[in-house]
Structures are given as structure tokens and as C-alpha cells.
Amino acid sequence: MYEKYEKYTVHQIEPHIFEVSGEWKDDIHDLKTRILINIYTFKITAAEASGGGVPFEICHQGIGRIGDIIGANIGPGFSRIVRSKIMGPEGCTHLGELILGTVKAFIQAASRSMPDKKHEALYAARWDEWMSNYSDQCVYFSQADVSRAEIENAIIKGRQRS
């Protein structure tokens, strides 16, 4: 039997900075990440990782590569950056997978964050990017007539149920 536990937590710690924590545990791994992302630019401003449980001592060397994503922009090509800088022969595949999951959690949180008027144009541009990314990956987003207003209303209703 194999069991893996993943958890992602997203907090807005400043008006424009989100802190995203990721955790992955299985029988031989206990990995954690903490990544700070600017919601207006989608740039990673800080990143750290720890390996409280790893199968080999050299794994800590691979985990130390997380700093290589600082300054990276989340958007087209980000997965390729993670694969080349984190998941390569000097990195850690599991850390790369955790980073990608952490960033997905950030995107989910960011899409639920309603902007102030000052940043509406940036937010609208992100919506166009999200719609493009999800249009071929989700039955709802693949519909021709999906509107931002419908999605925002669904988010508001979901919050009211919580």
C-alpha cells in the first residue's frame, strides 16, 4: 500500500503578496515549501523549502535548488522552468511536483480574489490568460459563452456556503 498526503494553504499577507505553503508527505518524504507571489505581476518574490524527511542525504542538495525559481513569472512556460531548474539531474522531482501544486493553489486563490479598481486592468488580463489555459481542460470553461461575471458569481455563492 502507498499513501501520499498533499496540502496547500494560501494566505494574503500584504495587499499584493500571497504566501503559499505546500506540504507533501509519504512513507519516505516530508517536504514543505513556502512561496511568496506578487498577485499583480505573478512573479515569485521568495521561495524556500525544507526536507524534514528524505530518503537520501543528497536530496537536501536538490531541495536547495528552490531558490532558482525566485524572480520567475507564473504563466506560459513556468512548468518548463520548474522542470529545467528544479527537476533536472541536480534537483528533485518531488520538489518540482510540490512547487507545481503550490502554484496551482495560488492560481485558484488568485482567481477568487476580487481586485480593487486600481488593479482591474491587470486582473482582467489575468482572466484572459486563465480562460485561455482552462478552455481545453474543463467542460465548463470549454463552453463558448462562459463569462467572467458567471464565474465570479459562482465564487461568491461558494463563499456564502462555506
N, C-alpha and C. Protein backbone atom coordinates (compact mmCIF):
# COMPACT_ATOMS: atom_id res chain seq x y z
N MET A 1 0.83 -1.18 0.00
CA MET A 1 0.00 0.00 0.00
C MET A 1 0.88 1.25 0.00
N TYR A 2 0.42 2.27 -0.69
CA TYR A 2 1.11 3.56 -0.73
C TYR A 2 0.10 4.65 -0.46
N GLU A 3 0.50 5.60 0.36
CA GLU A 3 -0.37 6.73 0.65
C GLU A 3 0.46 8.01 0.62
N LYS A 4 -0.08 9.02 -0.06
CA LYS A 4 0.60 10.31 -0.14
C LYS A 4 -0.37 11.39 0.31
N TYR A 5 0.13 12.31 1.11
CA TYR A 5 -0.66 13.41 1.64
C TYR A 5 -0.12 14.71 1.04
N GLU A 6 -1.01 15.51 0.45
CA GLU A 6 -0.64 16.82 -0.05
C GLU A 6 -1.58 17.85 0.54
N LYS A 7 -1.02 18.99 0.90
CA LYS A 7 -1.85 20.08 1.43
C LYS A 7 -1.26 21.40 0.96
N TYR A 8 -2.15 22.31 0.56
CA TYR A 8 -1.74 23.63 0.12
C TYR A 8 -2.57 24.67 0.87
N THR A 9 -1.90 25.70 1.36
CA THR A 9 -2.57 26.77 2.09
C THR A 9 -2.13 28.10 1.50
N VAL A 10 -3.11 28.97 1.25
CA VAL A 10 -2.82 30.27 0.64
C VAL A 10 -3.34 31.38 1.55
N HIS A 11 -2.46 32.33 1.86
CA HIS A 11 -2.83 33.49 2.69
C HIS A 11 -2.37 34.75 1.98
N GLN A 12 -3.19 35.78 2.05
CA GLN A 12 -2.78 37.08 1.56
C GLN A 12 -2.11 37.79 2.73
N ILE A 13 -0.79 38.02 2.64
CA ILE A 13 -0.06 38.60 3.78
C ILE A 13 0.18 40.10 3.63
N GLU A 14 0.05 40.60 2.42
CA GLU A 14 0.11 42.02 2.12
C GLU A 14 -0.90 42.25 1.01
N PRO A 15 -1.27 43.49 0.73
CA PRO A 15 -2.27 43.71 -0.33
C PRO A 15 -1.91 43.07 -1.66
N HIS A 16 -0.63 42.95 -1.97
CA HIS A 16 -0.23 42.40 -3.26
C HIS A 16 0.60 41.11 -3.15
N ILE A 17 0.80 40.60 -1.95
CA ILE A 17 1.63 39.40 -1.77
C ILE A 17 0.81 38.26 -1.16
N PHE A 18 0.86 37.12 -1.83
CA PHE A 18 0.24 35.90 -1.32
C PHE A 18 1.35 34.96 -0.86
N GLU A 19 1.13 34.33 0.28
CA GLU A 19 2.04 33.30 0.80
C GLU A 19 1.36 31.96 0.55
N VAL A 20 2.07 31.09 -0.14
CA VAL A 20 1.51 29.78 -0.47
C VAL A 20 2.42 28.72 0.13
N SER A 21 1.84 27.90 0.99
CA SER A 21 2.59 26.81 1.63
C SER A 21 2.13 25.49 1.05
N GLY A 22 3.08 24.64 0.75
CA GLY A 22 2.77 23.31 0.26
C GLY A 22 3.42 22.26 1.13
N GLU A 23 2.79 21.12 1.22
CA GLU A 23 3.32 20.03 2.04
C GLU A 23 3.05 18.71 1.33
N TRP A 24 4.06 17.85 1.32
CA TRP A 24 3.93 16.52 0.73
C TRP A 24 4.55 15.53 1.69
N LYS A 25 3.76 14.55 2.08
CA LYS A 25 4.26 13.50 2.97
C LYS A 25 3.88 12.14 2.40
N ASP A 26 4.84 11.24 2.44
CA ASP A 26 4.56 9.83 2.20
C ASP A 26 5.48 9.05 3.14
N ASP A 27 5.64 7.77 2.88
CA ASP A 27 6.41 6.95 3.82
C ASP A 27 7.89 7.32 3.91
N ILE A 28 8.46 7.99 2.90
CA ILE A 28 9.87 8.36 2.97
C ILE A 28 10.13 9.85 2.74
N HIS A 29 9.09 10.63 2.47
CA HIS A 29 9.27 12.06 2.22
C HIS A 29 8.44 12.89 3.19
N ASP A 30 8.99 14.01 3.56
CA ASP A 30 8.26 15.04 4.31
C ASP A 30 8.82 16.37 3.79
N LEU A 31 8.20 16.87 2.73
CA LEU A 31 8.68 18.08 2.06
C LEU A 31 7.70 19.22 2.32
N LYS A 32 8.26 20.43 2.48
CA LYS A 32 7.43 21.62 2.67
C LYS A 32 7.99 22.75 1.82
N THR A 33 7.09 23.56 1.27
CA THR A 33 7.51 24.75 0.53
C THR A 33 6.77 25.96 1.09
N ARG A 34 7.39 27.10 0.93
CA ARG A 34 6.77 28.39 1.24
C ARG A 34 7.20 29.32 0.12
N ILE A 35 6.21 29.80 -0.64
CA ILE A 35 6.49 30.64 -1.79
C ILE A 35 5.68 31.92 -1.67
N LEU A 36 6.32 33.07 -1.89
CA LEU A 36 5.63 34.36 -1.91
C LEU A 36 5.48 34.81 -3.35
N ILE A 37 4.26 35.22 -3.70
CA ILE A 37 3.96 35.59 -5.08
C ILE A 37 3.24 36.93 -5.10
N ASN A 38 3.70 37.81 -5.98
CA ASN A 38 3.05 39.11 -6.18
C ASN A 38 1.83 38.89 -7.06
N ILE A 39 0.64 39.17 -6.54
CA ILE A 39 -0.58 38.90 -7.29
C ILE A 39 -0.74 39.82 -8.50
N TYR A 40 -0.12 40.99 -8.47
CA TYR A 40 -0.26 41.92 -9.59
C TYR A 40 0.65 41.55 -10.75
N THR A 41 1.83 41.01 -10.45
CA THR A 41 2.78 40.67 -11.51
C THR A 41 2.91 39.17 -11.74
N PHE A 42 2.40 38.36 -10.81
CA PHE A 42 2.55 36.90 -10.84
C PHE A 42 4.02 36.49 -10.81
N LYS A 43 4.83 37.29 -10.17
CA LYS A 43 6.26 36.99 -10.02
C LYS A 43 6.51 36.39 -8.65
N ILE A 44 7.35 35.35 -8.61
CA ILE A 44 7.76 34.74 -7.34
C ILE A 44 8.81 35.65 -6.72
N THR A 45 8.52 36.12 -5.50
CA THR A 45 9.43 37.06 -4.84
C THR A 45 10.30 36.38 -3.77
N ALA A 46 9.87 35.23 -3.29
CA ALA A 46 10.66 34.47 -2.32
C ALA A 46 10.23 33.01 -2.39
N ALA A 47 11.15 32.12 -2.09
CA ALA A 47 10.83 30.69 -2.11
C ALA A 47 11.80 29.94 -1.20
N GLU A 48 11.24 29.07 -0.40
CA GLU A 48 12.07 28.23 0.47
C GLU A 48 11.43 26.85 0.58
N ALA A 49 12.26 25.88 0.87
CA ALA A 49 11.78 24.50 1.01
C ALA A 49 12.57 23.82 2.11
N SER A 50 11.93 22.82 2.69
CA SER A 50 12.62 22.00 3.69
C SER A 50 12.27 20.54 3.46
N GLY A 51 13.21 19.70 3.79
CA GLY A 51 13.01 18.27 3.68
C GLY A 51 13.22 17.63 5.03
N GLY A 52 12.19 17.63 5.85
CA GLY A 52 12.28 17.03 7.17
C GLY A 52 12.48 15.53 7.11
N GLY A 53 12.02 14.94 6.04
CA GLY A 53 12.20 13.52 5.82
C GLY A 53 12.50 13.29 4.35
N VAL A 54 13.67 12.77 4.06
CA VAL A 54 14.07 12.44 2.69
C VAL A 54 14.81 11.11 2.72
N PRO A 55 14.76 10.36 1.62
CA PRO A 55 15.38 9.03 1.65
C PRO A 55 16.91 9.05 1.64
N PHE A 56 17.51 10.10 1.07
CA PHE A 56 18.97 10.15 0.95
C PHE A 56 19.47 11.53 1.36
N GLU A 57 20.63 11.59 1.94
CA GLU A 57 21.20 12.87 2.38
C GLU A 57 21.39 13.84 1.22
N ILE A 58 21.74 13.32 0.05
CA ILE A 58 21.96 14.20 -1.11
C ILE A 58 20.67 14.90 -1.56
N CYS A 59 19.53 14.38 -1.14
CA CYS A 59 18.25 15.00 -1.50
C CYS A 59 18.18 16.46 -1.04
N HIS A 60 18.83 16.77 0.07
CA HIS A 60 18.83 18.15 0.57
C HIS A 60 19.48 19.10 -0.44
N GLN A 61 20.47 18.59 -1.16
CA GLN A 61 21.11 19.39 -2.21
C GLN A 61 20.09 19.75 -3.29
N GLY A 62 19.30 18.79 -3.71
CA GLY A 62 18.27 19.05 -4.72
C GLY A 62 17.20 19.99 -4.21
N ILE A 63 16.81 19.84 -2.95
CA ILE A 63 15.79 20.70 -2.35
C ILE A 63 16.28 22.14 -2.29
N GLY A 64 17.58 22.32 -2.13
CA GLY A 64 18.17 23.66 -2.09
C GLY A 64 18.03 24.43 -3.38
N ARG A 65 17.66 23.77 -4.45
CA ARG A 65 17.52 24.43 -5.75
C ARG A 65 16.28 25.32 -5.84
N ILE A 66 15.41 25.30 -4.83
CA ILE A 66 14.17 26.08 -4.91
C ILE A 66 14.44 27.56 -5.18
N GLY A 67 15.57 28.07 -4.71
CA GLY A 67 15.90 29.47 -4.95
C GLY A 67 15.99 29.83 -6.42
N ASP A 68 16.16 28.83 -7.28
CA ASP A 68 16.27 29.07 -8.71
C ASP A 68 14.98 29.58 -9.35
N ILE A 69 13.85 29.47 -8.64
CA ILE A 69 12.60 29.97 -9.22
C ILE A 69 12.27 31.39 -8.75
N ILE A 70 13.05 31.95 -7.84
CA ILE A 70 12.81 33.33 -7.41
C ILE A 70 13.00 34.26 -8.61
N GLY A 71 12.03 35.11 -8.83
CA GLY A 71 12.04 36.02 -9.97
C GLY A 71 11.29 35.49 -11.18
N ALA A 72 10.94 34.20 -11.16
CA ALA A 72 10.20 33.62 -12.28
C ALA A 72 8.76 34.13 -12.30
N ASN A 73 8.23 34.28 -13.50
CA ASN A 73 6.84 34.68 -13.67
C ASN A 73 5.97 33.45 -13.86
N ILE A 74 4.84 33.44 -13.18
CA ILE A 74 3.89 32.35 -13.33
C ILE A 74 3.04 32.66 -14.55
N GLY A 75 3.05 31.76 -15.49
CA GLY A 75 2.32 31.95 -16.74
C GLY A 75 2.86 30.95 -17.74
N PRO A 76 2.64 31.21 -19.02
CA PRO A 76 3.15 30.29 -20.03
C PRO A 76 4.65 30.06 -19.87
N GLY A 77 5.05 28.81 -19.87
CA GLY A 77 6.46 28.46 -19.74
C GLY A 77 6.92 28.20 -18.32
N PHE A 78 6.07 28.45 -17.32
CA PHE A 78 6.51 28.26 -15.94
C PHE A 78 6.81 26.79 -15.65
N SER A 79 5.98 25.89 -16.12
CA SER A 79 6.24 24.45 -15.89
C SER A 79 7.58 24.04 -16.48
N ARG A 80 7.90 24.59 -17.62
CA ARG A 80 9.19 24.29 -18.27
C ARG A 80 10.35 24.79 -17.40
N ILE A 81 10.19 25.96 -16.78
CA ILE A 81 11.22 26.50 -15.88
C ILE A 81 11.42 25.55 -14.70
N VAL A 82 10.32 25.09 -14.12
CA VAL A 82 10.42 24.18 -12.97
C VAL A 82 11.09 22.87 -13.38
N ARG A 83 10.70 22.33 -14.54
CA ARG A 83 11.32 21.07 -14.99
C ARG A 83 12.81 21.24 -15.23
N SER A 84 13.22 22.36 -15.80
CA SER A 84 14.65 22.52 -16.11
C SER A 84 15.48 22.94 -14.90
N LYS A 85 14.94 23.78 -14.04
CA LYS A 85 15.74 24.30 -12.92
C LYS A 85 15.61 23.49 -11.63
N ILE A 86 14.48 22.84 -11.44
CA ILE A 86 14.23 22.14 -10.18
C ILE A 86 14.26 20.62 -10.35
N MET A 87 13.72 20.12 -11.45
CA MET A 87 13.55 18.68 -11.61
C MET A 87 14.66 18.02 -12.43
N GLY A 88 15.72 18.73 -12.71
CA GLY A 88 16.81 18.18 -13.50
C GLY A 88 17.71 17.26 -12.69
N PRO A 89 18.83 16.85 -13.27
CA PRO A 89 19.72 15.89 -12.61
C PRO A 89 20.35 16.41 -11.32
N GLU A 90 20.33 17.71 -11.09
CA GLU A 90 20.87 18.26 -9.84
C GLU A 90 19.76 18.72 -8.90
N GLY A 91 18.52 18.44 -9.28
CA GLY A 91 17.38 18.91 -8.49
C GLY A 91 16.61 17.77 -7.86
N CYS A 92 15.31 17.98 -7.72
CA CYS A 92 14.46 17.00 -7.05
C CYS A 92 13.09 16.96 -7.73
N THR A 93 12.76 15.83 -8.31
CA THR A 93 11.47 15.67 -8.98
C THR A 93 10.31 15.94 -8.04
N HIS A 94 10.39 15.43 -6.84
CA HIS A 94 9.29 15.58 -5.88
C HIS A 94 9.10 17.05 -5.49
N LEU A 95 10.19 17.78 -5.33
CA LEU A 95 10.09 19.20 -5.04
C LEU A 95 9.44 19.93 -6.21
N GLY A 96 9.82 19.58 -7.42
CA GLY A 96 9.21 20.19 -8.60
C GLY A 96 7.71 19.96 -8.65
N GLU A 97 7.29 18.74 -8.36
CA GLU A 97 5.86 18.43 -8.34
C GLU A 97 5.15 19.22 -7.25
N LEU A 98 5.79 19.37 -6.10
CA LEU A 98 5.21 20.15 -5.00
C LEU A 98 5.11 21.63 -5.38
N ILE A 99 6.12 22.16 -6.04
CA ILE A 99 6.08 23.56 -6.49
C ILE A 99 4.93 23.76 -7.47
N LEU A 100 4.78 22.86 -8.42
CA LEU A 100 3.69 23.00 -9.41
C LEU A 100 2.33 22.94 -8.73
N GLY A 101 2.17 22.07 -7.75
CA GLY A 101 0.92 22.01 -7.00
C GLY A 101 0.69 23.28 -6.19
N THR A 102 1.77 23.81 -5.62
CA THR A 102 1.68 25.04 -4.84
C THR A 102 1.24 26.20 -5.72
N VAL A 103 1.79 26.28 -6.91
CA VAL A 103 1.43 27.35 -7.84
C VAL A 103 -0.02 27.19 -8.32
N LYS A 104 -0.46 25.97 -8.53
CA LYS A 104 -1.87 25.76 -8.90
C LYS A 104 -2.79 26.26 -7.79
N ALA A 105 -2.41 26.02 -6.54
CA ALA A 105 -3.21 26.51 -5.41
C ALA A 105 -3.24 28.04 -5.41
N PHE A 106 -2.11 28.67 -5.71
CA PHE A 106 -2.08 30.13 -5.80
C PHE A 106 -3.02 30.63 -6.89
N ILE A 107 -2.99 29.99 -8.06
CA ILE A 107 -3.84 30.43 -9.16
C ILE A 107 -5.31 30.31 -8.78
N GLN A 108 -5.67 29.22 -8.10
CA GLN A 108 -7.05 29.07 -7.64
C GLN A 108 -7.42 30.20 -6.68
N ALA A 109 -6.53 30.52 -5.75
CA ALA A 109 -6.80 31.60 -4.79
C ALA A 109 -6.86 32.95 -5.49
N ALA A 110 -5.93 33.19 -6.40
CA ALA A 110 -5.88 34.47 -7.11
C ALA A 110 -7.14 34.70 -7.93
N SER A 111 -7.67 33.63 -8.53
CA SER A 111 -8.88 33.78 -9.34
C SER A 111 -10.08 34.14 -8.48
N ARG A 112 -10.00 33.88 -7.19
CA ARG A 112 -11.10 34.19 -6.27
C ARG A 112 -10.92 35.54 -5.59
N SER A 113 -9.81 36.18 -5.82
CA SER A 113 -9.51 37.46 -5.18
C SER A 113 -10.01 38.58 -6.07
N MET A 114 -10.99 39.31 -5.61
CA MET A 114 -11.57 40.39 -6.40
C MET A 114 -10.69 41.64 -6.26
N PRO A 115 -10.30 42.25 -7.37
CA PRO A 115 -9.37 43.38 -7.30
C PRO A 115 -10.06 44.70 -6.94
N ASP A 116 -9.25 45.64 -6.50
CA ASP A 116 -9.78 46.99 -6.36
C ASP A 116 -9.73 47.65 -7.75
N LYS A 117 -10.39 48.76 -7.90
CA LYS A 117 -10.47 49.43 -9.21
C LYS A 117 -9.09 49.76 -9.78
N LYS A 118 -8.17 50.10 -8.90
CA LYS A 118 -6.82 50.48 -9.33
C LYS A 118 -6.13 49.37 -10.12
N HIS A 119 -6.42 48.12 -9.81
CA HIS A 119 -5.73 46.99 -10.44
C HIS A 119 -6.64 46.17 -11.35
N GLU A 120 -7.78 46.72 -11.73
CA GLU A 120 -8.73 45.99 -12.57
C GLU A 120 -8.13 45.57 -13.90
N ALA A 121 -7.35 46.42 -14.54
CA ALA A 121 -6.77 46.08 -15.85
C ALA A 121 -5.84 44.87 -15.74
N LEU A 122 -5.01 44.83 -14.70
CA LEU A 122 -4.12 43.67 -14.50
C LEU A 122 -4.93 42.40 -14.28
N TYR A 123 -5.97 42.52 -13.46
CA TYR A 123 -6.82 41.36 -13.15
C TYR A 123 -7.53 40.87 -14.41
N ALA A 124 -8.03 41.80 -15.22
CA ALA A 124 -8.72 41.43 -16.46
C ALA A 124 -7.77 40.68 -17.40
N ALA A 125 -6.53 41.12 -17.47
CA ALA A 125 -5.54 40.43 -18.31
C ALA A 125 -5.29 39.02 -17.79
N ARG A 126 -5.25 38.85 -16.48
CA ARG A 126 -5.07 37.51 -15.90
C ARG A 126 -6.27 36.63 -16.23
N TRP A 127 -7.47 37.19 -16.17
CA TRP A 127 -8.65 36.40 -16.51
C TRP A 127 -8.56 35.89 -17.93
N ASP A 128 -8.12 36.72 -18.85
CA ASP A 128 -7.97 36.27 -20.24
C ASP A 128 -6.99 35.11 -20.32
N GLU A 129 -5.90 35.20 -19.55
CA GLU A 129 -4.90 34.13 -19.53
C GLU A 129 -5.49 32.85 -18.94
N TRP A 130 -6.23 32.97 -17.82
CA TRP A 130 -6.84 31.79 -17.19
C TRP A 130 -7.84 31.14 -18.14
N MET A 131 -8.66 31.96 -18.79
CA MET A 131 -9.65 31.41 -19.71
C MET A 131 -8.96 30.65 -20.84
N SER A 132 -7.88 31.20 -21.34
CA SER A 132 -7.13 30.53 -22.39
C SER A 132 -6.55 29.21 -21.90
N ASN A 133 -5.99 29.21 -20.68
CA ASN A 133 -5.39 27.99 -20.13
C ASN A 133 -6.41 26.89 -19.87
N TYR A 134 -7.58 27.26 -19.37
CA TYR A 134 -8.57 26.26 -18.97
C TYR A 134 -9.54 25.88 -20.08
N SER A 135 -9.55 26.59 -21.19
CA SER A 135 -10.57 26.37 -22.21
C SER A 135 -10.58 24.96 -22.78
N ASP A 136 -9.46 24.29 -22.82
CA ASP A 136 -9.41 22.93 -23.35
C ASP A 136 -9.20 21.88 -22.27
N GLN A 137 -9.35 22.27 -20.99
CA GLN A 137 -9.07 21.35 -19.90
C GLN A 137 -10.24 21.15 -18.96
N CYS A 138 -11.37 21.79 -19.23
CA CYS A 138 -12.50 21.74 -18.31
C CYS A 138 -13.79 21.89 -19.11
N VAL A 139 -14.77 21.04 -18.85
CA VAL A 139 -16.02 21.07 -19.59
C VAL A 139 -16.71 22.43 -19.46
N TYR A 140 -16.66 23.04 -18.29
CA TYR A 140 -17.31 24.34 -18.12
C TYR A 140 -16.59 25.42 -18.93
N PHE A 141 -15.27 25.50 -18.78
CA PHE A 141 -14.51 26.55 -19.45
C PHE A 141 -14.42 26.33 -20.96
N SER A 142 -14.74 25.14 -21.44
CA SER A 142 -14.70 24.86 -22.87
C SER A 142 -15.94 25.38 -23.59
N GLN A 143 -16.95 25.81 -22.85
CA GLN A 143 -18.15 26.36 -23.48
C GLN A 143 -17.82 27.71 -24.12
N ALA A 144 -18.45 27.99 -25.24
CA ALA A 144 -18.14 29.21 -25.98
C ALA A 144 -18.61 30.48 -25.28
N ASP A 145 -19.65 30.39 -24.47
CA ASP A 145 -20.25 31.61 -23.92
C ASP A 145 -19.98 31.83 -22.42
N VAL A 146 -18.90 31.30 -21.90
CA VAL A 146 -18.56 31.47 -20.48
C VAL A 146 -18.16 32.93 -20.24
N SER A 147 -18.72 33.53 -19.20
CA SER A 147 -18.37 34.92 -18.90
C SER A 147 -17.70 35.03 -17.53
N ARG A 148 -16.89 36.03 -17.40
CA ARG A 148 -16.22 36.31 -16.13
C ARG A 148 -17.24 36.55 -15.03
N ALA A 149 -18.32 37.25 -15.34
CA ALA A 149 -19.35 37.55 -14.33
C ALA A 149 -19.96 36.26 -13.77
N GLU A 150 -20.22 35.27 -14.63
CA GLU A 150 -20.77 33.99 -14.16
C GLU A 150 -19.81 33.30 -13.19
N ILE A 151 -18.55 33.31 -13.52
CA ILE A 151 -17.56 32.66 -12.68
C ILE A 151 -17.43 33.39 -11.35
N GLU A 152 -17.38 34.72 -11.39
CA GLU A 152 -17.30 35.48 -10.14
C GLU A 152 -18.53 35.25 -9.27
N ASN A 153 -19.71 35.14 -9.88
CA ASN A 153 -20.93 34.85 -9.11
C ASN A 153 -20.85 33.47 -8.46
N ALA A 154 -20.30 32.49 -9.18
CA ALA A 154 -20.15 31.14 -8.61
C ALA A 154 -19.18 31.17 -7.42
N ILE A 155 -18.13 31.96 -7.53
CA ILE A 155 -17.17 32.09 -6.43
C ILE A 155 -17.85 32.70 -5.21
N ILE A 156 -18.62 33.75 -5.42
CA ILE A 156 -19.33 34.42 -4.32
C ILE A 156 -20.31 33.45 -3.66
N LYS A 157 -21.06 32.70 -4.46
CA LYS A 157 -22.01 31.72 -3.91
C LYS A 157 -21.28 30.65 -3.11
N GLY A 158 -20.14 30.20 -3.61
CA GLY A 158 -19.36 29.19 -2.89
C GLY A 158 -18.89 29.70 -1.55
N ARG A 159 -18.50 30.95 -1.49
CA ARG A 159 -18.07 31.54 -0.21
C ARG A 159 -19.24 31.62 0.77
N GLN A 160 -20.42 31.90 0.26
CA GLN A 160 -21.59 32.01 1.13
C GLN A 160 -21.96 30.65 1.73
N ARG A 161 -21.69 29.57 0.99
CA ARG A 161 -21.97 28.22 1.50
C ARG A 161 -20.97 27.81 2.57
N SER A 162 -19.77 28.36 2.50
CA SER A 162 -18.70 27.96 3.44
C SER A 162 -18.94 28.48 4.83
